[in-house]
Amino acid sequence: MARHNDIGQQGEALAQNYLNNAGFEILEQNWRHSKAEVDLIAKDGAILVFIEVKTRSYAHFGQPEAFVTPKKMQLLAKAASVYMEQIGHDWEIRFDVVSVILPEGKPPQIQHFPDAFFPGLA
């Protein structure tokens, strides 16, 4: 497996652990629909949360969360719509981003951005 895939998997595992410790209930990991993949789908209390995890080894070229593009937001919104239809969802939703930096020889840096974007307003 390519190094960037390993880093991505490490970041997703750290993000999931972080969110579990914050009281989130993880419902799905790497849920796919068409061209979109939602890294994590969780419940934060009564809110259904679609979570994009961005992981980098360093932040020399910008913080990981800055790499959630408008195209990615659109794909996530479409996938979220399908997921909500499948489960018969009719309550509040939110799109979060978890940023993970894995600096060599140092502890990981994790930041959670609740309500990071709202599709259609990006």
PDB file of N, CA and C in Angstrom:
ATOM      1  N   MET A   1       0.843  -1.180   0.000  1.00  0.00           N
ATOM      2  CA  MET A   1       0.000   0.000   0.000  1.00  0.00           C
ATOM      3  C   MET A   1       0.885   1.239   0.000  1.00  0.00           C
ATOM      4  N   ALA A   2       0.478   2.261  -0.721  1.00  0.00           N
ATOM      5  CA  ALA A   2       1.247   3.495  -0.815  1.00  0.00           C
ATOM      6  C   ALA A   2       1.287   4.202   0.540  1.00  0.00           C
ATOM      7  N   ARG A   3       2.388   4.930   0.778  1.00  0.00           N
ATOM      8  CA  ARG A   3       2.587   5.610   2.053  1.00  0.00           C
ATOM      9  C   ARG A   3       1.438   6.568   2.364  1.00  0.00           C
ATOM     10  N   HIS A   4       0.936   7.294   1.338  1.00  0.00           N
ATOM     11  CA  HIS A   4      -0.143   8.252   1.599  1.00  0.00           C
ATOM     12  C   HIS A   4      -1.420   7.534   2.047  1.00  0.00           C
ATOM     13  N   ASN A   5      -1.631   6.299   1.571  1.00  0.00           N
ATOM     14  CA  ASN A   5      -2.790   5.521   2.029  1.00  0.00           C
ATOM     15  C   ASN A   5      -2.622   5.118   3.483  1.00  0.00           C
ATOM     16  N   ASP A   6      -1.401   4.727   3.865  1.00  0.00           N
ATOM     17  CA  ASP A   6      -1.121   4.386   5.264  1.00  0.00           C
ATOM     18  C   ASP A   6      -1.378   5.590   6.170  1.00  0.00           C
ATOM     19  N   ILE A   7      -0.922   6.751   5.741  1.00  0.00           N
ATOM     20  CA  ILE A   7      -1.102   7.980   6.518  1.00  0.00           C
ATOM     21  C   ILE A   7      -2.592   8.290   6.647  1.00  0.00           C
ATOM     22  N   GLY A   8      -3.326   8.134   5.560  1.00  0.00           N
ATOM     23  CA  GLY A   8      -4.767   8.373   5.593  1.00  0.00           C
ATOM     24  C   GLY A   8      -5.483   7.440   6.544  1.00  0.00           C
ATOM     25  N   GLN A   9      -5.103   6.159   6.530  1.00  0.00           N
ATOM     26  CA  GLN A   9      -5.722   5.190   7.436  1.00  0.00           C
ATOM     27  C   GLN A   9      -5.386   5.503   8.897  1.00  0.00           C
ATOM     28  N   GLN A  10      -4.146   5.901   9.145  1.00  0.00           N
ATOM     29  CA  GLN A  10      -3.755   6.276  10.513  1.00  0.00           C
ATOM     30  C   GLN A  10      -4.593   7.467  10.978  1.00  0.00           C
ATOM     31  N   GLY A  11      -4.728   8.445  10.101  1.00  0.00           N
ATOM     32  CA  GLY A  11      -5.505   9.645  10.440  1.00  0.00           C
ATOM     33  C   GLY A  11      -6.954   9.323  10.732  1.00  0.00           C
ATOM     34  N   GLU A  12      -7.549   8.452   9.918  1.00  0.00           N
ATOM     35  CA  GLU A  12      -8.949   8.080  10.137  1.00  0.00           C
ATOM     36  C   GLU A  12      -9.125   7.333  11.458  1.00  0.00           C
ATOM     37  N   ALA A  13      -8.178   6.452  11.786  1.00  0.00           N
ATOM     38  CA  ALA A  13      -8.254   5.723  13.055  1.00  0.00           C
ATOM     39  C   ALA A  13      -8.125   6.689  14.236  1.00  0.00           C
ATOM     40  N   LEU A  14      -7.201   7.651  14.141  1.00  0.00           N
ATOM     41  CA  LEU A  14      -7.040   8.642  15.204  1.00  0.00           C
ATOM     42  C   LEU A  14      -8.286   9.517  15.333  1.00  0.00           C
ATOM     43  N   ALA A  15      -8.847   9.915  14.193  1.00  0.00           N
ATOM     44  CA  ALA A  15     -10.058  10.745  14.204  1.00  0.00           C
ATOM     45  C   ALA A  15     -11.222   9.989  14.838  1.00  0.00           C
ATOM     46  N   GLN A  16     -11.362   8.712  14.489  1.00  0.00           N
ATOM     47  CA  GLN A  16     -12.449   7.919  15.047  1.00  0.00           C
ATOM     48  C   GLN A  16     -12.291   7.791  16.558  1.00  0.00           C
ATOM     49  N   ASN A  17     -11.096   7.526  17.021  1.00  0.00           N
ATOM     50  CA  ASN A  17     -10.840   7.431  18.455  1.00  0.00           C
ATOM     51  C   ASN A  17     -11.142   8.757  19.149  1.00  0.00           C
ATOM     52  N   TYR A  18     -10.708   9.845  18.546  1.00  0.00           N
ATOM     53  CA  TYR A  18     -10.949  11.185  19.088  1.00  0.00           C
ATOM     54  C   TYR A  18     -12.450  11.446  19.222  1.00  0.00           C
ATOM     55  N   LEU A  19     -13.196  11.129  18.155  1.00  0.00           N
ATOM     56  CA  LEU A  19     -14.636  11.374  18.173  1.00  0.00           C
ATOM     57  C   LEU A  19     -15.354  10.452  19.159  1.00  0.00           C
ATOM     58  N   ASN A  20     -14.928   9.194  19.235  1.00  0.00           N
ATOM     59  CA  ASN A  20     -15.501   8.274  20.238  1.00  0.00           C
ATOM     60  C   ASN A  20     -15.321   8.843  21.640  1.00  0.00           C
ATOM     61  N   ASN A  21     -14.114   9.337  21.923  1.00  0.00           N
ATOM     62  CA  ASN A  21     -13.832   9.908  23.239  1.00  0.00           C
ATOM     63  C   ASN A  21     -14.636  11.180  23.500  1.00  0.00           C
ATOM     64  N   ALA A  22     -15.061  11.850  22.425  1.00  0.00           N
ATOM     65  CA  ALA A  22     -15.876  13.063  22.552  1.00  0.00           C
ATOM     66  C   ALA A  22     -17.367  12.732  22.635  1.00  0.00           C
ATOM     67  N   GLY A  23     -17.704  11.440  22.630  1.00  0.00           N
ATOM     68  CA  GLY A  23     -19.099  11.041  22.791  1.00  0.00           C
ATOM     69  C   GLY A  23     -19.853  10.763  21.512  1.00  0.00           C
ATOM     70  N   PHE A  24     -19.184  10.775  20.369  1.00  0.00           N
ATOM     71  CA  PHE A  24     -19.844  10.465  19.101  1.00  0.00           C
ATOM     72  C   PHE A  24     -20.091   8.962  19.004  1.00  0.00           C
ATOM     73  N   GLU A  25     -21.172   8.584  18.346  1.00  0.00           N
ATOM     74  CA  GLU A  25     -21.450   7.188  18.042  1.00  0.00           C
ATOM     75  C   GLU A  25     -21.157   6.982  16.558  1.00  0.00           C
ATOM     76  N   ILE A  26     -20.120   6.231  16.250  1.00  0.00           N
ATOM     77  CA  ILE A  26     -19.737   5.994  14.861  1.00  0.00           C
ATOM     78  C   ILE A  26     -20.701   4.966  14.260  1.00  0.00           C
ATOM     79  N   LEU A  27     -21.346   5.351  13.150  1.00  0.00           N
ATOM     80  CA  LEU A  27     -22.298   4.473  12.474  1.00  0.00           C
ATOM     81  C   LEU A  27     -21.679   3.768  11.274  1.00  0.00           C
ATOM     82  N   GLU A  28     -20.825   4.483  10.541  1.00  0.00           N
ATOM     83  CA  GLU A  28     -20.227   3.940   9.321  1.00  0.00           C
ATOM     84  C   GLU A  28     -18.800   4.464   9.170  1.00  0.00           C
ATOM     85  N   GLN A  29     -17.963   3.631   8.531  1.00  0.00           N
ATOM     86  CA  GLN A  29     -16.608   4.044   8.157  1.00  0.00           C
ATOM     87  C   GLN A  29     -16.461   3.832   6.654  1.00  0.00           C
ATOM     88  N   ASN A  30     -15.878   4.797   5.980  1.00  0.00           N
ATOM     89  CA  ASN A  30     -15.592   4.704   4.546  1.00  0.00           C
ATOM     90  C   ASN A  30     -16.826   4.272   3.750  1.00  0.00           C
ATOM     91  N   TRP A  31     -17.946   4.922   4.030  1.00  0.00           N
ATOM     92  CA  TRP A  31     -19.200   4.626   3.341  1.00  0.00           C
ATOM     93  C   TRP A  31     -19.143   5.220   1.940  1.00  0.00           C
ATOM     94  N   ARG A  32     -19.439   4.393   0.955  1.00  0.00           N
ATOM     95  CA  ARG A  32     -19.301   4.809  -0.442  1.00  0.00           C
ATOM     96  C   ARG A  32     -20.635   4.864  -1.165  1.00  0.00           C
ATOM     97  N   HIS A  33     -20.719   5.854  -2.038  1.00  0.00           N
ATOM     98  CA  HIS A  33     -21.807   5.939  -3.003  1.00  0.00           C
ATOM     99  C   HIS A  33     -21.235   6.571  -4.267  1.00  0.00           C
ATOM    100  N   SER A  34     -21.315   5.850  -5.362  1.00  0.00           N
ATOM    101  CA  SER A  34     -20.821   6.332  -6.644  1.00  0.00           C
ATOM    102  C   SER A  34     -19.353   6.756  -6.497  1.00  0.00           C
ATOM    103  N   LYS A  35     -19.039   8.009  -6.795  1.00  0.00           N
ATOM    104  CA  LYS A  35     -17.652   8.489  -6.727  1.00  0.00           C
ATOM    105  C   LYS A  35     -17.287   9.063  -5.355  1.00  0.00           C
ATOM    106  N   ALA A  36     -18.244   9.089  -4.454  1.00  0.00           N
ATOM    107  CA  ALA A  36     -18.009   9.721  -3.152  1.00  0.00           C
ATOM    108  C   ALA A  36     -17.750   8.683  -2.069  1.00  0.00           C
ATOM    109  N   GLU A  37     -16.867   9.045  -1.165  1.00  0.00           N
ATOM    110  CA  GLU A  37     -16.649   8.252   0.036  1.00  0.00           C
ATOM    111  C   GLU A  37     -16.741   9.184   1.233  1.00  0.00           C
ATOM    112  N   VAL A  38     -17.583   8.804   2.185  1.00  0.00           N
ATOM    113  CA  VAL A  38     -17.688   9.552   3.429  1.00  0.00           C
ATOM    114  C   VAL A  38     -16.817   8.808   4.439  1.00  0.00           C
ATOM    115  N   ASP A  39     -15.806   9.500   4.948  1.00  0.00           N
ATOM    116  CA  ASP A  39     -14.852   8.839   5.847  1.00  0.00           C
ATOM    117  C   ASP A  39     -15.543   8.267   7.076  1.00  0.00           C
ATOM    118  N   LEU A  40     -16.353   9.091   7.731  1.00  0.00           N
ATOM    119  CA  LEU A  40     -17.071   8.639   8.920  1.00  0.00           C
ATOM    120  C   LEU A  40     -18.478   9.227   8.918  1.00  0.00           C
ATOM    121  N   ILE A  41     -19.421   8.416   9.330  1.00  0.00           N
ATOM    122  CA  ILE A  41     -20.781   8.892   9.575  1.00  0.00           C
ATOM    123  C   ILE A  41     -21.054   8.568  11.031  1.00  0.00           C
ATOM    124  N   ALA A  42     -21.524   9.570  11.764  1.00  0.00           N
ATOM    125  CA  ALA A  42     -21.683   9.395  13.210  1.00  0.00           C
ATOM    126  C   ALA A  42     -22.915  10.133  13.699  1.00  0.00           C
ATOM    127  N   LYS A  43     -23.264   9.843  14.941  1.00  0.00           N
ATOM    128  CA  LYS A  43     -24.294  10.620  15.624  1.00  0.00           C
ATOM    129  C   LYS A  43     -23.623  11.376  16.757  1.00  0.00           C
ATOM    130  N   ASP A  44     -23.917  12.662  16.819  1.00  0.00           N
ATOM    131  CA  ASP A  44     -23.489  13.520  17.923  1.00  0.00           C
ATOM    132  C   ASP A  44     -24.770  13.909  18.636  1.00  0.00           C
ATOM    133  N   GLY A  45     -25.120  13.144  19.644  1.00  0.00           N
ATOM    134  CA  GLY A  45     -26.440  13.312  20.251  1.00  0.00           C
ATOM    135  C   GLY A  45     -27.485  12.910  19.216  1.00  0.00           C
ATOM    136  N   ALA A  46     -28.389  13.824  18.904  1.00  0.00           N
ATOM    137  CA  ALA A  46     -29.445  13.537  17.932  1.00  0.00           C
ATOM    138  C   ALA A  46     -29.062  13.970  16.517  1.00  0.00           C
ATOM    139  N   ILE A  47     -27.880  14.538  16.336  1.00  0.00           N
ATOM    140  CA  ILE A  47     -27.461  15.072  15.033  1.00  0.00           C
ATOM    141  C   ILE A  47     -26.701  14.006  14.245  1.00  0.00           C
ATOM    142  N   LEU A  48     -27.093  13.815  12.991  1.00  0.00           N
ATOM    143  CA  LEU A  48     -26.375  12.925  12.082  1.00  0.00           C
ATOM    144  C   LEU A  48     -25.235  13.730  11.465  1.00  0.00           C
ATOM    145  N   VAL A  49     -24.006  13.213  11.587  1.00  0.00           N
ATOM    146  CA  VAL A  49     -22.821  13.972  11.181  1.00  0.00           C
ATOM    147  C   VAL A  49     -22.044  13.203  10.115  1.00  0.00           C
ATOM    148  N   PHE A  50     -21.755  13.884   9.008  1.00  0.00           N
ATOM    149  CA  PHE A  50     -20.933  13.349   7.933  1.00  0.00           C
ATOM    150  C   PHE A  50     -19.561  13.995   8.096  1.00  0.00           C
ATOM    151  N   ILE A  51     -18.525  13.154   8.218  1.00  0.00           N
ATOM    152  CA  ILE A  51     -17.215  13.657   8.621  1.00  0.00           C
ATOM    153  C   ILE A  51     -16.158  13.335   7.565  1.00  0.00           C
ATOM    154  N   GLU A  52     -15.472  14.367   7.124  1.00  0.00           N
ATOM    155  CA  GLU A  52     -14.329  14.225   6.221  1.00  0.00           C
ATOM    156  C   GLU A  52     -13.069  14.341   7.066  1.00  0.00           C
ATOM    157  N   VAL A  53     -12.185  13.346   6.950  1.00  0.00           N
ATOM    158  CA  VAL A  53     -10.921  13.358   7.681  1.00  0.00           C
ATOM    159  C   VAL A  53      -9.808  13.679   6.685  1.00  0.00           C
ATOM    160  N   LYS A  54      -9.019  14.683   6.990  1.00  0.00           N
ATOM    161  CA  LYS A  54      -7.876  15.056   6.154  1.00  0.00           C
ATOM    162  C   LYS A  54      -6.615  14.891   6.982  1.00  0.00           C
ATOM    163  N   THR A  55      -5.687  14.094   6.456  1.00  0.00           N
ATOM    164  CA  THR A  55      -4.459  13.789   7.184  1.00  0.00           C
ATOM    165  C   THR A  55      -3.253  14.159   6.338  1.00  0.00           C
ATOM    166  N   ARG A  56      -2.271  14.745   6.974  1.00  0.00           N
ATOM    167  CA  ARG A  56      -1.002  15.075   6.329  1.00  0.00           C
ATOM    168  C   ARG A  56       0.133  14.755   7.289  1.00  0.00           C
ATOM    169  N   SER A  57       1.329  14.561   6.731  1.00  0.00           N
ATOM    170  CA  SER A  57       2.516  14.340   7.563  1.00  0.00           C
ATOM    171  C   SER A  57       3.037  15.660   8.126  1.00  0.00           C
ATOM    172  N   TYR A  58       2.725  16.736   7.446  1.00  0.00           N
ATOM    173  CA  TYR A  58       3.186  18.065   7.848  1.00  0.00           C
ATOM    174  C   TYR A  58       2.251  19.101   7.232  1.00  0.00           C
ATOM    175  N   ALA A  59       2.391  20.343   7.682  1.00  0.00           N
ATOM    176  CA  ALA A  59       1.499  21.400   7.203  1.00  0.00           C
ATOM    177  C   ALA A  59       2.250  22.463   6.404  1.00  0.00           C
ATOM    178  N   HIS A  60       3.362  22.079   5.779  1.00  0.00           N
ATOM    179  CA  HIS A  60       4.164  23.047   5.024  1.00  0.00           C
ATOM    180  C   HIS A  60       3.370  23.731   3.912  1.00  0.00           C
ATOM    181  N   PHE A  61       2.444  23.010   3.306  1.00  0.00           N
ATOM    182  CA  PHE A  61       1.690  23.544   2.181  1.00  0.00           C
ATOM    183  C   PHE A  61       0.269  23.927   2.570  1.00  0.00           C
ATOM    184  N   GLY A  62       0.002  24.020   3.859  1.00  0.00           N
ATOM    185  CA  GLY A  62      -1.317  24.393   4.350  1.00  0.00           C
ATOM    186  C   GLY A  62      -1.870  23.348   5.302  1.00  0.00           C
ATOM    187  N   GLN A  63      -2.824  23.773   6.090  1.00  0.00           N
ATOM    188  CA  GLN A  63      -3.467  22.872   7.051  1.00  0.00           C
ATOM    189  C   GLN A  63      -4.326  21.854   6.295  1.00  0.00           C
ATOM    190  N   PRO A  64      -4.416  20.639   6.794  1.00  0.00           N
ATOM    191  CA  PRO A  64      -5.177  19.596   6.097  1.00  0.00           C
ATOM    192  C   PRO A  64      -6.609  20.003   5.760  1.00  0.00           C
ATOM    193  N   GLU A  65      -7.275  20.699   6.681  1.00  0.00           N
ATOM    194  CA  GLU A  65      -8.676  21.068   6.453  1.00  0.00           C
ATOM    195  C   GLU A  65      -8.857  21.992   5.247  1.00  0.00           C
ATOM    196  N   ALA A  66      -7.793  22.677   4.860  1.00  0.00           N
ATOM    197  CA  ALA A  66      -7.874  23.574   3.704  1.00  0.00           C
ATOM    198  C   ALA A  66      -8.001  22.816   2.388  1.00  0.00           C
ATOM    199  N   PHE A  67      -7.799  21.500   2.422  1.00  0.00           N
ATOM    200  CA  PHE A  67      -7.839  20.698   1.205  1.00  0.00           C
ATOM    201  C   PHE A  67      -9.190  20.018   0.971  1.00  0.00           C
ATOM    202  N   VAL A  68     -10.203  20.436   1.710  1.00  0.00           N
ATOM    203  CA  VAL A  68     -11.566  19.980   1.438  1.00  0.00           C
ATOM    204  C   VAL A  68     -12.116  20.942   0.385  1.00  0.00           C
ATOM    205  N   THR A  69     -12.147  20.476  -0.844  1.00  0.00           N
ATOM    206  CA  THR A  69     -12.499  21.329  -1.982  1.00  0.00           C
ATOM    207  C   THR A  69     -14.019  21.441  -2.156  1.00  0.00           C
ATOM    208  N   PRO A  70     -14.470  22.461  -2.871  1.00  0.00           N
ATOM    209  CA  PRO A  70     -15.900  22.555  -3.180  1.00  0.00           C
ATOM    210  C   PRO A  70     -16.428  21.301  -3.896  1.00  0.00           C
ATOM    211  N   LYS A  71     -15.618  20.704  -4.764  1.00  0.00           N
ATOM    212  CA  LYS A  71     -16.041  19.469  -5.444  1.00  0.00           C
ATOM    213  C   LYS A  71     -16.245  18.352  -4.428  1.00  0.00           C
ATOM    214  N   LYS A  72     -15.330  18.223  -3.454  1.00  0.00           N
ATOM    215  CA  LYS A  72     -15.462  17.207  -2.416  1.00  0.00           C
ATOM    216  C   LYS A  72     -16.720  17.461  -1.593  1.00  0.00           C
ATOM    217  N   MET A  73     -16.997  18.724  -1.300  1.00  0.00           N
ATOM    218  CA  MET A  73     -18.198  19.070  -0.543  1.00  0.00           C
ATOM    219  C   MET A  73     -19.454  18.639  -1.297  1.00  0.00           C
ATOM    220  N   GLN A  74     -19.474  18.849  -2.605  1.00  0.00           N
ATOM    221  CA  GLN A  74     -20.620  18.438  -3.428  1.00  0.00           C
ATOM    222  C   GLN A  74     -20.789  16.922  -3.400  1.00  0.00           C
ATOM    223  N   LEU A  75     -19.686  16.191  -3.549  1.00  0.00           N
ATOM    224  CA  LEU A  75     -19.750  14.732  -3.513  1.00  0.00           C
ATOM    225  C   LEU A  75     -20.261  14.235  -2.163  1.00  0.00           C
ATOM    226  N   LEU A  76     -19.784  14.848  -1.088  1.00  0.00           N
ATOM    227  CA  LEU A  76     -20.238  14.467   0.246  1.00  0.00           C
ATOM    228  C   LEU A  76     -21.730  14.740   0.417  1.00  0.00           C
ATOM    229  N   ALA A  77     -22.188  15.868  -0.108  1.00  0.00           N
ATOM    230  CA  ALA A  77     -23.610  16.208   0.004  1.00  0.00           C
ATOM    231  C   ALA A  77     -24.478  15.205  -0.749  1.00  0.00           C
ATOM    232  N   LYS A  78     -24.045  14.804  -1.940  1.00  0.00           N
ATOM    233  CA  LYS A  78     -24.804  13.819  -2.712  1.00  0.00           C
ATOM    234  C   LYS A  78     -24.837  12.480  -1.985  1.00  0.00           C
ATOM    235  N   ALA A  79     -23.689  12.050  -1.484  1.00  0.00           N
ATOM    236  CA  ALA A  79     -23.626  10.781  -0.745  1.00  0.00           C
ATOM    237  C   ALA A  79     -24.488  10.860   0.516  1.00  0.00           C
ATOM    238  N   ALA A  80     -24.443  11.988   1.213  1.00  0.00           N
ATOM    239  CA  ALA A  80     -25.245  12.168   2.428  1.00  0.00           C
ATOM    240  C   ALA A  80     -26.731  12.056   2.109  1.00  0.00           C
ATOM    241  N   SER A  81     -27.134  12.641   0.997  1.00  0.00           N
ATOM    242  CA  SER A  81     -28.532  12.578   0.581  1.00  0.00           C
ATOM    243  C   SER A  81     -28.983  11.133   0.373  1.00  0.00           C
ATOM    244  N   VAL A  82     -28.149  10.338  -0.293  1.00  0.00           N
ATOM    245  CA  VAL A  82     -28.467   8.923  -0.532  1.00  0.00           C
ATOM    246  C   VAL A  82     -28.513   8.163   0.798  1.00  0.00           C
ATOM    247  N   TYR A  83     -27.533   8.402   1.657  1.00  0.00           N
ATOM    248  CA  TYR A  83     -27.495   7.713   2.948  1.00  0.00           C
ATOM    249  C   TYR A  83     -28.749   8.034   3.760  1.00  0.00           C
ATOM    250  N   MET A  84     -29.123   9.311   3.796  1.00  0.00           N
ATOM    251  CA  MET A  84     -30.304   9.711   4.566  1.00  0.00           C
ATOM    252  C   MET A  84     -31.561   9.045   4.018  1.00  0.00           C
ATOM    253  N   GLU A  85     -31.661   8.940   2.708  1.00  0.00           N
ATOM    254  CA  GLU A  85     -32.812   8.272   2.096  1.00  0.00           C
ATOM    255  C   GLU A  85     -32.835   6.792   2.485  1.00  0.00           C
ATOM    256  N   GLN A  86     -31.678   6.159   2.473  1.00  0.00           N
ATOM    257  CA  GLN A  86     -31.595   4.734   2.803  1.00  0.00           C
ATOM    258  C   GLN A  86     -32.025   4.426   4.236  1.00  0.00           C
ATOM    259  N   ILE A  87     -31.703   5.323   5.170  1.00  0.00           N
ATOM    260  CA  ILE A  87     -32.038   5.052   6.570  1.00  0.00           C
ATOM    261  C   ILE A  87     -33.334   5.729   7.007  1.00  0.00           C
ATOM    262  N   GLY A  88     -33.989   6.445   6.095  1.00  0.00           N
ATOM    263  CA  GLY A  88     -35.231   7.132   6.443  1.00  0.00           C
ATOM    264  C   GLY A  88     -35.002   8.292   7.396  1.00  0.00           C
ATOM    265  N   HIS A  89     -33.922   9.005   7.169  1.00  0.00           N
ATOM    266  CA  HIS A  89     -33.496  10.104   8.050  1.00  0.00           C
ATOM    267  C   HIS A  89     -34.384  11.337   7.865  1.00  0.00           C
ATOM    268  N   ASP A  90     -34.782  11.955   8.982  1.00  0.00           N
ATOM    269  CA  ASP A  90     -35.552  13.196   8.889  1.00  0.00           C
ATOM    270  C   ASP A  90     -35.255  14.155  10.039  1.00  0.00           C
ATOM    271  N   TRP A  91     -34.016  14.129  10.519  1.00  0.00           N
ATOM    272  CA  TRP A  91     -33.636  15.050  11.586  1.00  0.00           C
ATOM    273  C   TRP A  91     -32.390  15.833  11.167  1.00  0.00           C
ATOM    274  N   GLU A  92     -31.859  16.613  12.052  1.00  0.00           N
ATOM    275  CA  GLU A  92     -30.754  17.534  11.777  1.00  0.00           C
ATOM    276  C   GLU A  92     -29.487  16.806  11.314  1.00  0.00           C
ATOM    277  N   ILE A  93     -28.779  17.447  10.372  1.00  0.00           N
ATOM    278  CA  ILE A  93     -27.495  16.912   9.921  1.00  0.00           C
ATOM    279  C   ILE A  93     -26.431  17.997  10.025  1.00  0.00           C
ATOM    280  N   ARG A  94     -25.174  17.545   9.884  1.00  0.00           N
ATOM    281  CA  ARG A  94     -24.049  18.476   9.948  1.00  0.00           C
ATOM    282  C   ARG A  94     -22.888  17.860   9.182  1.00  0.00           C
ATOM    283  N   PHE A  95     -22.040  18.704   8.625  1.00  0.00           N
ATOM    284  CA  PHE A  95     -20.823  18.258   7.944  1.00  0.00           C
ATOM    285  C   PHE A  95     -19.625  18.790   8.730  1.00  0.00           C
ATOM    286  N   ASP A  96     -18.817  17.862   9.245  1.00  0.00           N
ATOM    287  CA  ASP A  96     -17.633  18.212  10.029  1.00  0.00           C
ATOM    288  C   ASP A  96     -16.368  17.834   9.268  1.00  0.00           C
ATOM    289  N   VAL A  97     -15.271  18.432   9.663  1.00  0.00           N
ATOM    290  CA  VAL A  97     -13.952  18.055   9.161  1.00  0.00           C
ATOM    291  C   VAL A  97     -13.065  17.796  10.377  1.00  0.00           C
ATOM    292  N   VAL A  98     -12.304  16.712  10.296  1.00  0.00           N
ATOM    293  CA  VAL A  98     -11.275  16.444  11.308  1.00  0.00           C
ATOM    294  C   VAL A  98      -9.934  16.507  10.586  1.00  0.00           C
ATOM    295  N   SER A  99      -9.061  17.361  11.094  1.00  0.00           N
ATOM    296  CA  SER A  99      -7.730  17.576  10.539  1.00  0.00           C
ATOM    297  C   SER A  99      -6.712  16.846  11.421  1.00  0.00           C
ATOM    298  N   VAL A 100      -5.868  16.043  10.768  1.00  0.00           N
ATOM    299  CA  VAL A 100      -4.852  15.287  11.506  1.00  0.00           C
ATOM    300  C   VAL A 100      -3.490  15.544  10.865  1.00  0.00           C
ATOM    301  N   ILE A 101      -2.532  15.950  11.687  1.00  0.00           N
ATOM    302  CA  ILE A 101      -1.148  16.100  11.232  1.00  0.00           C
ATOM    303  C   ILE A 101      -0.319  15.093  12.007  1.00  0.00           C
ATOM    304  N   LEU A 102       0.476  14.308  11.270  1.00  0.00           N
ATOM    305  CA  LEU A 102       1.306  13.263  11.876  1.00  0.00           C
ATOM    306  C   LEU A 102       2.786  13.626  11.720  1.00  0.00           C
ATOM    307  N   PRO A 103       3.264  14.594  12.519  1.00  0.00           N
ATOM    308  CA  PRO A 103       4.672  14.984  12.399  1.00  0.00           C
ATOM    309  C   PRO A 103       5.595  13.864  12.875  1.00  0.00           C
ATOM    310  N   GLU A 104       6.637  13.632  12.120  1.00  0.00           N
ATOM    311  CA  GLU A 104       7.560  12.545  12.453  1.00  0.00           C
ATOM    312  C   GLU A 104       8.195  12.768  13.821  1.00  0.00           C
ATOM    313  N   GLY A 105       8.114  11.751  14.666  1.00  0.00           N
ATOM    314  CA  GLY A 105       8.733  11.804  15.982  1.00  0.00           C
ATOM    315  C   GLY A 105       7.996  12.648  17.003  1.00  0.00           C
ATOM    316  N   LYS A 106       6.800  13.109  16.668  1.00  0.00           N
ATOM    317  CA  LYS A 106       6.020  13.946  17.590  1.00  0.00           C
ATOM    318  C   LYS A 106       4.603  13.393  17.682  1.00  0.00           C
ATOM    319  N   PRO A 107       3.875  13.774  18.732  1.00  0.00           N
ATOM    320  CA  PRO A 107       2.489  13.313  18.857  1.00  0.00           C
ATOM    321  C   PRO A 107       1.615  13.891  17.735  1.00  0.00           C
ATOM    322  N   PRO A 108       0.573  13.175  17.343  1.00  0.00           N
ATOM    323  CA  PRO A 108      -0.336  13.685  16.312  1.00  0.00           C
ATOM    324  C   PRO A 108      -1.057  14.937  16.793  1.00  0.00           C
ATOM    325  N   GLN A 109      -1.372  15.795  15.833  1.00  0.00           N
ATOM    326  CA  GLN A 109      -2.152  16.998  16.113  1.00  0.00           C
ATOM    327  C   GLN A 109      -3.527  16.797  15.472  1.00  0.00           C
ATOM    328  N   ILE A 110      -4.570  16.836  16.296  1.00  0.00           N
ATOM    329  CA  ILE A 110      -5.926  16.591  15.815  1.00  0.00           C
ATOM    330  C   ILE A 110      -6.784  17.813  16.114  1.00  0.00           C
ATOM    331  N   GLN A 111      -7.489  18.284  15.084  1.00  0.00           N
ATOM    332  CA  GLN A 111      -8.427  19.387  15.251  1.00  0.00           C
ATOM    333  C   GLN A 111      -9.761  18.971  14.649  1.00  0.00           C
ATOM    334  N   HIS A 112     -10.833  19.266  15.376  1.00  0.00           N
ATOM    335  CA  HIS A 112     -12.183  18.954  14.920  1.00  0.00           C
ATOM    336  C   HIS A 112     -12.883  20.260  14.592  1.00  0.00           C
ATOM    337  N   PHE A 113     -13.474  20.318  13.403  1.00  0.00           N
ATOM    338  CA  PHE A 113     -14.203  21.500  12.954  1.00  0.00           C
ATOM    339  C   PHE A 113     -15.670  21.138  12.749  1.00  0.00           C
ATOM    340  N   PRO A 114     -16.491  21.256  13.808  1.00  0.00           N
ATOM    341  CA  PRO A 114     -17.909  20.971  13.649  1.00  0.00           C
ATOM    342  C   PRO A 114     -18.545  21.995  12.716  1.00  0.00           C
ATOM    343  N   ASP A 115     -19.522  21.553  11.937  1.00  0.00           N
ATOM    344  CA  ASP A 115     -20.239  22.446  11.024  1.00  0.00           C
ATOM    345  C   ASP A 115     -19.253  23.186  10.114  1.00  0.00           C
ATOM    346  N   ALA A 116     -18.283  22.454   9.590  1.00  0.00           N
ATOM    347  CA  ALA A 116     -17.203  23.040   8.792  1.00  0.00           C
ATOM    348  C   ALA A 116     -17.702  23.662   7.490  1.00  0.00           C
ATOM    349  N   PHE A 117     -18.761  23.098   6.932  1.00  0.00           N
ATOM    350  CA  PHE A 117     -19.321  23.653   5.697  1.00  0.00           C
ATOM    351  C   PHE A 117     -20.767  23.223   5.583  1.00  0.00           C
ATOM    352  N   PHE A 118     -21.489  23.933   4.736  1.00  0.00           N
ATOM    353  CA  PHE A 118     -22.856  23.549   4.411  1.00  0.00           C
ATOM    354  C   PHE A 118     -22.943  23.510   2.899  1.00  0.00           C
ATOM    355  N   PRO A 119     -23.182  22.335   2.334  1.00  0.00           N
ATOM    356  CA  PRO A 119     -23.216  22.211   0.869  1.00  0.00           C
ATOM    357  C   PRO A 119     -24.173  23.217   0.241  1.00  0.00           C
ATOM    358  N   GLY A 120     -23.719  23.778  -0.853  1.00  0.00           N
ATOM    359  CA  GLY A 120     -24.519  24.785  -1.541  1.00  0.00           C
ATOM    360  C   GLY A 120     -24.125  26.186  -1.141  1.00  0.00           C
ATOM    361  N   LEU A 121     -23.461  26.325  -0.006  1.00  0.00           N
ATOM    362  CA  LEU A 121     -23.007  27.637   0.464  1.00  0.00           C
ATOM    363  C   LEU A 121     -21.497  27.763   0.396  1.00  0.00           C
ATOM    364  N   ALA A 122     -20.824  26.725  -0.124  1.00  0.00           N
ATOM    365  CA  ALA A 122     -19.364  26.731  -0.169  1.00  0.00           C
ATOM    366  C   ALA A 122     -18.861  27.546  -1.333  1.00  0.00           C
TER     367      ALA A 122
END
